[in-house]
Structure formats: C-alpha cells, structure tokens
Amino acid sequence: SGCSLLPGEVPATDAAPAATSKAPVKDGAKTPESKAPE
C-alpha cells in the first residue's frame, strides 16, 4: 500500500479526450475541435 495511506495531494492526470463520433456536420456548424478554449 506504500504511500497511498499517507494524506496528500492526488497527482493530476491528463484525461484522454472522449471519443467523438464522426457524424456529418451541417454547413456553418462548428466542430468540437474548432471551438475556442473557454
């Protein structure tokens, strides 16, 4: 169990981007990849 029993910060992990479906995109619609970061 090692250090997992000690209190402390949980290491941040980079979550893998969710799989997106390749649905057809209508003209003028933005894809999730083209959105500006919030």
Full PDB file with SEQRES, HELIX, SHEET, SSBOND, CRYST1, ORIGX, SCALE, CONECT and MASTER records, all heavy atoms in Angstrom:
SEQRES   1 A   38  SER GLY CYS SER LEU LEU PRO GLY GLU VAL PRO ALA THR          
SEQRES   2 A   38  ASP ALA ALA PRO ALA ALA THR SER LYS ALA PRO VAL LYS          
SEQRES   3 A   38  ASP GLY ALA LYS THR PRO GLU SER LYS ALA PRO GLU              
HELIX    1 AA1 GLY A    2  LEU A    5  5                                   4    
HELIX    2 AA2 PRO A   32  SER A   34  5                                   3    
CRYST1    1.000    1.000    1.000  90.00  90.00  90.00 P 1           1          
ORIGX1      1.000000  0.000000  0.000000        0.00000                         
ORIGX2      0.000000  1.000000  0.000000        0.00000                         
ORIGX3      0.000000  0.000000  1.000000        0.00000                         
SCALE1      1.000000  0.000000  0.000000        0.00000                         
SCALE2      0.000000  1.000000  0.000000        0.00000                         
SCALE3      0.000000  0.000000  1.000000        0.00000                         
ATOM      1  N   SER A   1       0.833  -1.205   0.000  1.00  0.00           N  
ATOM      2  CA  SER A   1       0.000   0.000   0.000  1.00  0.00           C  
ATOM      3  C   SER A   1       0.858   1.241   0.000  1.00  0.00           C  
ATOM      4  O   SER A   1       0.454   2.278  -0.497  1.00  0.00           O  
ATOM      5  CB  SER A   1      -0.955  -0.005   1.190  1.00  0.00           C  
ATOM      6  OG  SER A   1      -0.222   0.040   2.395  1.00  0.00           O  
ATOM      7  N   GLY A   2       2.052   1.179   0.543  1.00  0.00           N  
ATOM      8  CA  GLY A   2       3.042   2.254   0.477  1.00  0.00           C  
ATOM      9  C   GLY A   2       2.500   3.609   0.849  1.00  0.00           C  
ATOM     10  O   GLY A   2       1.845   3.789   1.852  1.00  0.00           O  
ATOM     11  N   CYS A   3       2.775   4.581   0.020  1.00  0.00           N  
ATOM     12  CA  CYS A   3       2.426   5.970   0.292  1.00  0.00           C  
ATOM     13  C   CYS A   3       0.954   6.256   0.073  1.00  0.00           C  
ATOM     14  O   CYS A   3       0.508   7.357   0.372  1.00  0.00           O  
ATOM     15  CB  CYS A   3       3.269   6.902  -0.575  1.00  0.00           C  
ATOM     16  SG  CYS A   3       5.017   6.784  -0.199  1.00  0.00           S  
ATOM     17  N   SER A   4       0.207   5.303  -0.442  1.00  0.00           N  
ATOM     18  CA  SER A   4      -1.201   5.583  -0.690  1.00  0.00           C  
ATOM     19  C   SER A   4      -1.967   5.793   0.599  1.00  0.00           C  
ATOM     20  O   SER A   4      -3.053   6.351   0.591  1.00  0.00           O  
ATOM     21  CB  SER A   4      -1.836   4.457  -1.500  1.00  0.00           C  
ATOM     22  OG  SER A   4      -1.859   3.267  -0.739  1.00  0.00           O  
ATOM     23  N   LEU A   5      -1.424   5.363   1.729  1.00  0.00           N  
ATOM     24  CA  LEU A   5      -2.090   5.567   3.007  1.00  0.00           C  
ATOM     25  C   LEU A   5      -1.818   6.944   3.583  1.00  0.00           C  
ATOM     26  O   LEU A   5      -2.511   7.391   4.475  1.00  0.00           O  
ATOM     27  CB  LEU A   5      -1.638   4.509   4.009  1.00  0.00           C  
ATOM     28  CG  LEU A   5      -2.020   3.065   3.671  1.00  0.00           C  
ATOM     29  CD1 LEU A   5      -1.442   2.124   4.697  1.00  0.00           C  
ATOM     30  CD2 LEU A   5      -3.514   2.913   3.598  1.00  0.00           C  
ATOM     31  N   LEU A   6      -0.791   7.620   3.084  1.00  0.00           N  
ATOM     32  CA  LEU A   6      -0.436   8.925   3.609  1.00  0.00           C  
ATOM     33  C   LEU A   6      -1.308  10.000   2.985  1.00  0.00           C  
ATOM     34  O   LEU A   6      -1.602   9.960   1.799  1.00  0.00           O  
ATOM     35  CB  LEU A   6       1.041   9.226   3.320  1.00  0.00           C  
ATOM     36  CG  LEU A   6       2.037   8.251   3.933  1.00  0.00           C  
ATOM     37  CD1 LEU A   6       3.446   8.591   3.476  1.00  0.00           C  
ATOM     38  CD2 LEU A   6       1.960   8.287   5.437  1.00  0.00           C  
ATOM     39  N   PRO A   7      -1.733  11.013   3.796  1.00  0.00           N  
ATOM     40  CA  PRO A   7      -2.532  12.089   3.213  1.00  0.00           C  
ATOM     41  C   PRO A   7      -1.671  12.955   2.319  1.00  0.00           C  
ATOM     42  O   PRO A   7      -0.472  13.082   2.518  1.00  0.00           O  
ATOM     43  CB  PRO A   7      -3.019  12.872   4.437  1.00  0.00           C  
ATOM     44  CG  PRO A   7      -2.011  12.593   5.487  1.00  0.00           C  
ATOM     45  CD  PRO A   7      -1.499  11.200   5.212  1.00  0.00           C  
ATOM     46  N   GLY A   8      -2.255  13.552   1.372  1.00  0.00           N  
ATOM     47  CA  GLY A   8      -1.501  14.437   0.483  1.00  0.00           C  
ATOM     48  C   GLY A   8      -2.293  14.719  -0.772  1.00  0.00           C  
ATOM     49  O   GLY A   8      -3.447  14.351  -0.917  1.00  0.00           O  
ATOM     50  N   GLU A   9      -1.634  15.354  -1.676  1.00  0.00           N  
ATOM     51  CA  GLU A   9      -2.297  15.721  -2.913  1.00  0.00           C  
ATOM     52  C   GLU A   9      -2.398  14.519  -3.834  1.00  0.00           C  
ATOM     53  O   GLU A   9      -1.515  13.680  -3.888  1.00  0.00           O  
ATOM     54  CB  GLU A   9      -1.515  16.827  -3.619  1.00  0.00           C  
ATOM     55  CG  GLU A   9      -1.498  18.122  -2.860  1.00  0.00           C  
ATOM     56  CD  GLU A   9      -0.781  19.210  -3.628  1.00  0.00           C  
ATOM     57  OE1 GLU A   9      -0.552  19.057  -4.834  1.00  0.00           O  
ATOM     58  OE2 GLU A   9      -0.462  20.218  -3.004  1.00  0.00           O  
ATOM     59  N   VAL A  10      -3.479  14.463  -4.551  1.00  0.00           N  
ATOM     60  CA  VAL A  10      -3.668  13.435  -5.554  1.00  0.00           C  
ATOM     61  C   VAL A  10      -3.008  13.943  -6.826  1.00  0.00           C  
ATOM     62  O   VAL A  10      -3.265  15.064  -7.250  1.00  0.00           O  
ATOM     63  CB  VAL A  10      -5.175  13.178  -5.801  1.00  0.00           C  
ATOM     64  CG1 VAL A  10      -5.378  12.164  -6.893  1.00  0.00           C  
ATOM     65  CG2 VAL A  10      -5.838  12.741  -4.520  1.00  0.00           C  
ATOM     66  N   PRO A  11      -2.122  13.148  -7.437  1.00  0.00           N  
ATOM     67  CA  PRO A  11      -1.458  13.638  -8.642  1.00  0.00           C  
ATOM     68  C   PRO A  11      -2.466  13.873  -9.754  1.00  0.00           C  
ATOM     69  O   PRO A  11      -3.387  13.090  -9.952  1.00  0.00           O  
ATOM     70  CB  PRO A  11      -0.475  12.527  -9.002  1.00  0.00           C  
ATOM     71  CG  PRO A  11      -0.963  11.324  -8.290  1.00  0.00           C  
ATOM     72  CD  PRO A  11      -1.738  11.806  -7.087  1.00  0.00           C  
ATOM     73  N   ALA A  12      -2.280  14.966 -10.443  1.00  0.00           N  
ATOM     74  CA  ALA A  12      -3.166  15.302 -11.549  1.00  0.00           C  
ATOM     75  C   ALA A  12      -2.827  14.427 -12.738  1.00  0.00           C  
ATOM     76  O   ALA A  12      -1.668  14.220 -13.062  1.00  0.00           O  
ATOM     77  CB  ALA A  12      -3.012  16.767 -11.911  1.00  0.00           C  
ATOM     78  N   THR A  13      -3.845  13.895 -13.370  1.00  0.00           N  
ATOM     79  CA  THR A  13      -3.621  13.069 -14.563  1.00  0.00           C  
ATOM     80  C   THR A  13      -4.311  13.748 -15.720  1.00  0.00           C  
ATOM     81  O   THR A  13      -5.355  14.376 -15.574  1.00  0.00           O  
ATOM     82  CB  THR A  13      -4.196  11.655 -14.373  1.00  0.00           C  
ATOM     83  OG1 THR A  13      -5.582  11.759 -14.092  1.00  0.00           O  
ATOM     84  CG2 THR A  13      -3.504  10.914 -13.252  1.00  0.00           C  
ATOM     85  N   ASP A  14      -3.713  13.625 -16.858  1.00  0.00           N  
ATOM     86  CA  ASP A  14      -4.321  14.186 -18.055  1.00  0.00           C  
ATOM     87  C   ASP A  14      -5.349  13.188 -18.554  1.00  0.00           C  
ATOM     88  O   ASP A  14      -5.014  12.055 -18.905  1.00  0.00           O  
ATOM     89  CB  ASP A  14      -3.269  14.428 -19.146  1.00  0.00           C  
ATOM     90  CG  ASP A  14      -2.295  15.520 -18.744  1.00  0.00           C  
ATOM     91  OD1 ASP A  14      -2.693  16.396 -17.945  1.00  0.00           O  
ATOM     92  OD2 ASP A  14      -1.149  15.499 -19.230  1.00  0.00           O  
ATOM     93  N   ALA A  15      -6.583  13.606 -18.578  1.00  0.00           N  
ATOM     94  CA  ALA A  15      -7.642  12.726 -19.051  1.00  0.00           C  
ATOM     95  C   ALA A  15      -7.589  12.667 -20.573  1.00  0.00           C  
ATOM     96  O   ALA A  15      -7.395  13.674 -21.246  1.00  0.00           O  
ATOM     97  CB  ALA A  15      -9.006  13.244 -18.596  1.00  0.00           C  
ATOM     98  N   ALA A  16      -7.767  11.480 -21.083  1.00  0.00           N  
ATOM     99  CA  ALA A  16      -7.770  11.318 -22.533  1.00  0.00           C  
ATOM    100  C   ALA A  16      -9.058  11.925 -23.072  1.00  0.00           C  
ATOM    101  O   ALA A  16     -10.111  11.806 -22.461  1.00  0.00           O  
ATOM    102  CB  ALA A  16      -7.682   9.841 -22.891  1.00  0.00           C  
ATOM    103  N   PRO A  17      -8.987  12.612 -24.198  1.00  0.00           N  
ATOM    104  CA  PRO A  17     -10.204  13.204 -24.747  1.00  0.00           C  
ATOM    105  C   PRO A  17     -11.207  12.113 -25.086  1.00  0.00           C  
ATOM    106  O   PRO A  17     -10.847  11.033 -25.542  1.00  0.00           O  
ATOM    107  CB  PRO A  17      -9.729  13.948 -25.993  1.00  0.00           C  
ATOM    108  CG  PRO A  17      -8.388  13.410 -26.306  1.00  0.00           C  
ATOM    109  CD  PRO A  17      -7.828  12.865 -25.033  1.00  0.00           C  
ATOM    110  N   ALA A  18     -12.454  12.419 -24.845  1.00  0.00           N  
ATOM    111  CA  ALA A  18     -13.502  11.451 -25.121  1.00  0.00           C  
ATOM    112  C   ALA A  18     -13.594  11.215 -26.619  1.00  0.00           C  
ATOM    113  O   ALA A  18     -13.405  12.122 -27.422  1.00  0.00           O  
ATOM    114  CB  ALA A  18     -14.837  11.967 -24.575  1.00  0.00           C  
ATOM    115  N   ALA A  19     -13.903   9.999 -26.966  1.00  0.00           N  
ATOM    116  CA  ALA A  19     -14.043   9.663 -28.386  1.00  0.00           C  
ATOM    117  C   ALA A  19     -15.272  10.364 -28.933  1.00  0.00           C  
ATOM    118  O   ALA A  19     -16.325  10.377 -28.313  1.00  0.00           O  
ATOM    119  CB  ALA A  19     -14.161   8.148 -28.543  1.00  0.00           C  
ATOM    120  N   THR A  20     -15.104  10.967 -30.064  1.00  0.00           N  
ATOM    121  CA  THR A  20     -16.224  11.677 -30.679  1.00  0.00           C  
ATOM    122  C   THR A  20     -16.687  10.887 -31.885  1.00  0.00           C  
ATOM    123  O   THR A  20     -15.893  10.263 -32.591  1.00  0.00           O  
ATOM    124  CB  THR A  20     -15.818  13.094 -31.109  1.00  0.00           C  
ATOM    125  OG1 THR A  20     -14.721  13.005 -31.994  1.00  0.00           O  
ATOM    126  CG2 THR A  20     -15.447  13.944 -29.909  1.00  0.00           C  
ATOM    127  N   SER A  21     -17.952  10.947 -32.104  1.00  0.00           N  
ATOM    128  CA  SER A  21     -18.477  10.239 -33.267  1.00  0.00           C  
ATOM    129  C   SER A  21     -18.268  11.111 -34.504  1.00  0.00           C  
ATOM    130  O   SER A  21     -18.261  12.330 -34.425  1.00  0.00           O  
ATOM    131  CB  SER A  21     -19.959   9.910 -33.069  1.00  0.00           C  
ATOM    132  OG  SER A  21     -20.692  11.110 -32.974  1.00  0.00           O  
ATOM    133  N   LYS A  22     -18.138  10.497 -35.628  1.00  0.00           N  
ATOM    134  CA  LYS A  22     -17.919  11.204 -36.893  1.00  0.00           C  
ATOM    135  C   LYS A  22     -19.261  11.419 -37.580  1.00  0.00           C  
ATOM    136  O   LYS A  22     -19.527  10.914 -38.660  1.00  0.00           O  
ATOM    137  CB  LYS A  22     -16.973  10.400 -37.792  1.00  0.00           C  
ATOM    138  CG  LYS A  22     -15.590  10.216 -37.225  1.00  0.00           C  
ATOM    139  CD  LYS A  22     -14.855  11.527 -37.223  1.00  0.00           C  
ATOM    140  CE  LYS A  22     -13.459  11.350 -36.678  1.00  0.00           C  
ATOM    141  NZ  LYS A  22     -12.702  12.534 -36.606  1.00  0.00           N  
ATOM    142  N   ALA A  23     -20.122  12.170 -36.935  1.00  0.00           N  
ATOM    143  CA  ALA A  23     -21.431  12.468 -37.517  1.00  0.00           C  
ATOM    144  C   ALA A  23     -21.258  13.551 -38.574  1.00  0.00           C  
ATOM    145  O   ALA A  23     -20.369  14.391 -38.473  1.00  0.00           O  
ATOM    146  CB  ALA A  23     -22.397  12.931 -36.431  1.00  0.00           C  
ATOM    147  N   PRO A  24     -22.111  13.553 -39.573  1.00  0.00           N  
ATOM    148  CA  PRO A  24     -21.993  14.586 -40.598  1.00  0.00           C  
ATOM    149  C   PRO A  24     -22.236  15.966 -39.992  1.00  0.00           C  
ATOM    150  O   PRO A  24     -23.059  16.141 -39.105  1.00  0.00           O  
ATOM    151  CB  PRO A  24     -23.073  14.225 -41.613  1.00  0.00           C  
ATOM    152  CG  PRO A  24     -23.930  13.179 -40.985  1.00  0.00           C  
ATOM    153  CD  PRO A  24     -23.184  12.617 -39.832  1.00  0.00           C  
ATOM    154  N   VAL A  25     -21.468  16.947 -40.467  1.00  0.00           N  
ATOM    155  CA  VAL A  25     -21.557  18.306 -39.962  1.00  0.00           C  
ATOM    156  C   VAL A  25     -22.288  19.156 -40.984  1.00  0.00           C  
ATOM    157  O   VAL A  25     -21.960  19.147 -42.167  1.00  0.00           O  
ATOM    158  CB  VAL A  25     -20.140  18.875 -39.709  1.00  0.00           C  
ATOM    159  CG1 VAL A  25     -20.231  20.303 -39.221  1.00  0.00           C  
ATOM    160  CG2 VAL A  25     -19.395  17.995 -38.752  1.00  0.00           C  
ATOM    161  N   LYS A  26     -23.301  19.908 -40.507  1.00  0.00           N  
ATOM    162  CA  LYS A  26     -24.045  20.787 -41.396  1.00  0.00           C  
ATOM    163  C   LYS A  26     -23.202  22.001 -41.723  1.00  0.00           C  
ATOM    164  O   LYS A  26     -22.307  22.373 -40.969  1.00  0.00           O  
ATOM    165  CB  LYS A  26     -25.339  21.224 -40.722  1.00  0.00           C  
ATOM    166  CG  LYS A  26     -26.307  20.087 -40.495  1.00  0.00           C  
ATOM    167  CD  LYS A  26     -27.576  20.596 -39.868  1.00  0.00           C  
ATOM    168  CE  LYS A  26     -28.541  19.459 -39.625  1.00  0.00           C  
ATOM    169  NZ  LYS A  26     -29.776  19.919 -39.011  1.00  0.00           N  
ATOM    170  N   ASP A  27     -23.490  22.619 -42.826  1.00  0.00           N  
ATOM    171  CA  ASP A  27     -22.751  23.812 -43.223  1.00  0.00           C  
ATOM    172  C   ASP A  27     -22.880  24.884 -42.155  1.00  0.00           C  
ATOM    173  O   ASP A  27     -23.967  25.149 -41.660  1.00  0.00           O  
ATOM    174  CB  ASP A  27     -23.281  24.351 -44.550  1.00  0.00           C  
ATOM    175  CG  ASP A  27     -22.984  23.429 -45.707  1.00  0.00           C  
ATOM    176  OD1 ASP A  27     -21.990  22.676 -45.617  1.00  0.00           O  
ATOM    177  OD2 ASP A  27     -23.729  23.468 -46.692  1.00  0.00           O  
ATOM    178  N   GLY A  28     -21.788  25.517 -41.800  1.00  0.00           N  
ATOM    179  CA  GLY A  28     -21.771  26.603 -40.831  1.00  0.00           C  
ATOM    180  C   GLY A  28     -21.659  26.128 -39.391  1.00  0.00           C  
ATOM    181  O   GLY A  28     -21.468  26.928 -38.497  1.00  0.00           O  
ATOM    182  N   ALA A  29     -21.816  24.853 -39.147  1.00  0.00           N  
ATOM    183  CA  ALA A  29     -21.722  24.356 -37.765  1.00  0.00           C  
ATOM    184  C   ALA A  29     -20.251  24.139 -37.415  1.00  0.00           C  
ATOM    185  O   ALA A  29     -19.457  23.717 -38.243  1.00  0.00           O  
ATOM    186  CB  ALA A  29     -22.501  23.053 -37.625  1.00  0.00           C  
ATOM    187  N   LYS A  30     -19.928  24.433 -36.170  1.00  0.00           N  
ATOM    188  CA  LYS A  30     -18.543  24.253 -35.719  1.00  0.00           C  
ATOM    189  C   LYS A  30     -18.380  22.860 -35.145  1.00  0.00           C  
ATOM    190  O   LYS A  30     -19.264  22.341 -34.480  1.00  0.00           O  
ATOM    191  CB  LYS A  30     -18.183  25.283 -34.642  1.00  0.00           C  
ATOM    192  CG  LYS A  30     -18.107  26.692 -35.166  1.00  0.00           C  
ATOM    193  CD  LYS A  30     -17.630  27.613 -34.073  1.00  0.00           C  
ATOM    194  CE  LYS A  30     -17.478  29.025 -34.593  1.00  0.00           C  
ATOM    195  NZ  LYS A  30     -16.969  29.922 -33.564  1.00  0.00           N  
ATOM    196  N   THR A  31     -17.236  22.284 -35.401  1.00  0.00           N  
ATOM    197  CA  THR A  31     -16.924  21.005 -34.795  1.00  0.00           C  
ATOM    198  C   THR A  31     -16.322  21.260 -33.422  1.00  0.00           C  
ATOM    199  O   THR A  31     -15.818  22.347 -33.157  1.00  0.00           O  
ATOM    200  CB  THR A  31     -15.917  20.215 -35.667  1.00  0.00           C  
ATOM    201  OG1 THR A  31     -14.722  20.975 -35.736  1.00  0.00           O  
ATOM    202  CG2 THR A  31     -16.472  19.953 -37.055  1.00  0.00           C  
ATOM    203  N   PRO A  32     -16.337  20.266 -32.520  1.00  0.00           N  
ATOM    204  CA  PRO A  32     -15.777  20.474 -31.187  1.00  0.00           C  
ATOM    205  C   PRO A  32     -14.316  20.895 -31.221  1.00  0.00           C  
ATOM    206  O   PRO A  32     -13.862  21.639 -30.379  1.00  0.00           O  
ATOM    207  CB  PRO A  32     -15.934  19.113 -30.502  1.00  0.00           C  
ATOM    208  CG  PRO A  32     -17.029  18.420 -31.246  1.00  0.00           C  
ATOM    209  CD  PRO A  32     -16.974  18.969 -32.640  1.00  0.00           C  
ATOM    210  N   GLU A  33     -13.574  20.442 -32.221  1.00  0.00           N  
ATOM    211  CA  GLU A  33     -12.157  20.787 -32.290  1.00  0.00           C  
ATOM    212  C   GLU A  33     -11.943  22.257 -32.641  1.00  0.00           C  
ATOM    213  O   GLU A  33     -10.908  22.836 -32.356  1.00  0.00           O  
ATOM    214  CB  GLU A  33     -11.423  19.909 -33.316  1.00  0.00           C  
ATOM    215  CG  GLU A  33     -11.336  18.446 -32.940  1.00  0.00           C  
ATOM    216  CD  GLU A  33     -12.609  17.685 -33.310  1.00  0.00           C  
ATOM    217  OE1 GLU A  33     -13.380  18.146 -34.165  1.00  0.00           O  
ATOM    218  OE2 GLU A  33     -12.829  16.615 -32.725  1.00  0.00           O  
ATOM    219  N   SER A  34     -12.911  22.881 -33.303  1.00  0.00           N  
ATOM    220  CA  SER A  34     -12.718  24.249 -33.761  1.00  0.00           C  
ATOM    221  C   SER A  34     -13.185  25.293 -32.738  1.00  0.00           C  
ATOM    222  O   SER A  34     -13.069  26.474 -32.994  1.00  0.00           O  
ATOM    223  CB  SER A  34     -13.428  24.466 -35.094  1.00  0.00           C  
ATOM    224  OG  SER A  34     -14.826  24.299 -34.913  1.00  0.00           O  
ATOM    225  N   LYS A  35     -13.716  24.859 -31.594  1.00  0.00           N  
ATOM    226  CA  LYS A  35     -14.157  25.810 -30.572  1.00  0.00           C  
ATOM    227  C   LYS A  35     -12.952  26.451 -29.912  1.00  0.00           C  
ATOM    228  O   LYS A  35     -11.926  25.813 -29.703  1.00  0.00           O  
ATOM    229  CB  LYS A  35     -14.974  25.106 -29.487  1.00  0.00           C  
ATOM    230  CG  LYS A  35     -16.360  24.729 -29.910  1.00  0.00           C  
ATOM    231  CD  LYS A  35     -17.104  24.142 -28.731  1.00  0.00           C  
ATOM    232  CE  LYS A  35     -18.492  23.715 -29.120  1.00  0.00           C  
ATOM    233  NZ  LYS A  35     -19.185  23.099 -27.977  1.00  0.00           N  
ATOM    234  N   ALA A  36     -13.110  27.715 -29.564  1.00  0.00           N  
ATOM    235  CA  ALA A  36     -12.048  28.407 -28.830  1.00  0.00           C  
ATOM    236  C   ALA A  36     -12.049  27.892 -27.392  1.00  0.00           C  
ATOM    237  O   ALA A  36     -13.103  27.600 -26.835  1.00  0.00           O  
ATOM    238  CB  ALA A  36     -12.298  29.917 -28.850  1.00  0.00           C  
ATOM    239  N   PRO A  37     -10.876  27.771 -26.782  1.00  0.00           N  
ATOM    240  CA  PRO A  37     -10.835  27.297 -25.396  1.00  0.00           C  
ATOM    241  C   PRO A  37     -11.546  28.291 -24.475  1.00  0.00           C  
ATOM    242  O   PRO A  37     -11.420  29.502 -24.640  1.00  0.00           O  
ATOM    243  CB  PRO A  37      -9.344  27.207 -25.070  1.00  0.00           C  
ATOM    244  CG  PRO A  37      -8.666  28.037 -26.098  1.00  0.00           C  
ATOM    245  CD  PRO A  37      -9.561  28.078 -27.294  1.00  0.00           C  
ATOM    246  N   GLU A  38     -12.288  27.741 -23.535  1.00  0.00           N  
ATOM    247  CA  GLU A  38     -13.022  28.595 -22.607  1.00  0.00           C  
ATOM    248  C   GLU A  38     -12.057  29.189 -21.587  1.00  0.00           C  
ATOM    249  O   GLU A  38     -11.137  28.516 -21.128  1.00  0.00           O  
ATOM    250  CB  GLU A  38     -14.087  27.777 -21.880  1.00  0.00           C  
ATOM    251  CG  GLU A  38     -15.177  27.271 -22.793  1.00  0.00           C  
ATOM    252  CD  GLU A  38     -16.222  26.489 -22.024  1.00  0.00           C  
ATOM    253  OE1 GLU A  38     -16.368  26.704 -20.811  1.00  0.00           O  
ATOM    254  OE2 GLU A  38     -16.888  25.658 -22.653  1.00  0.00           O  
TER     255      GLU A  38                                                      
MASTER        0    0    0    2    0    0    0    6  254    1    0    3          
END                                                                             
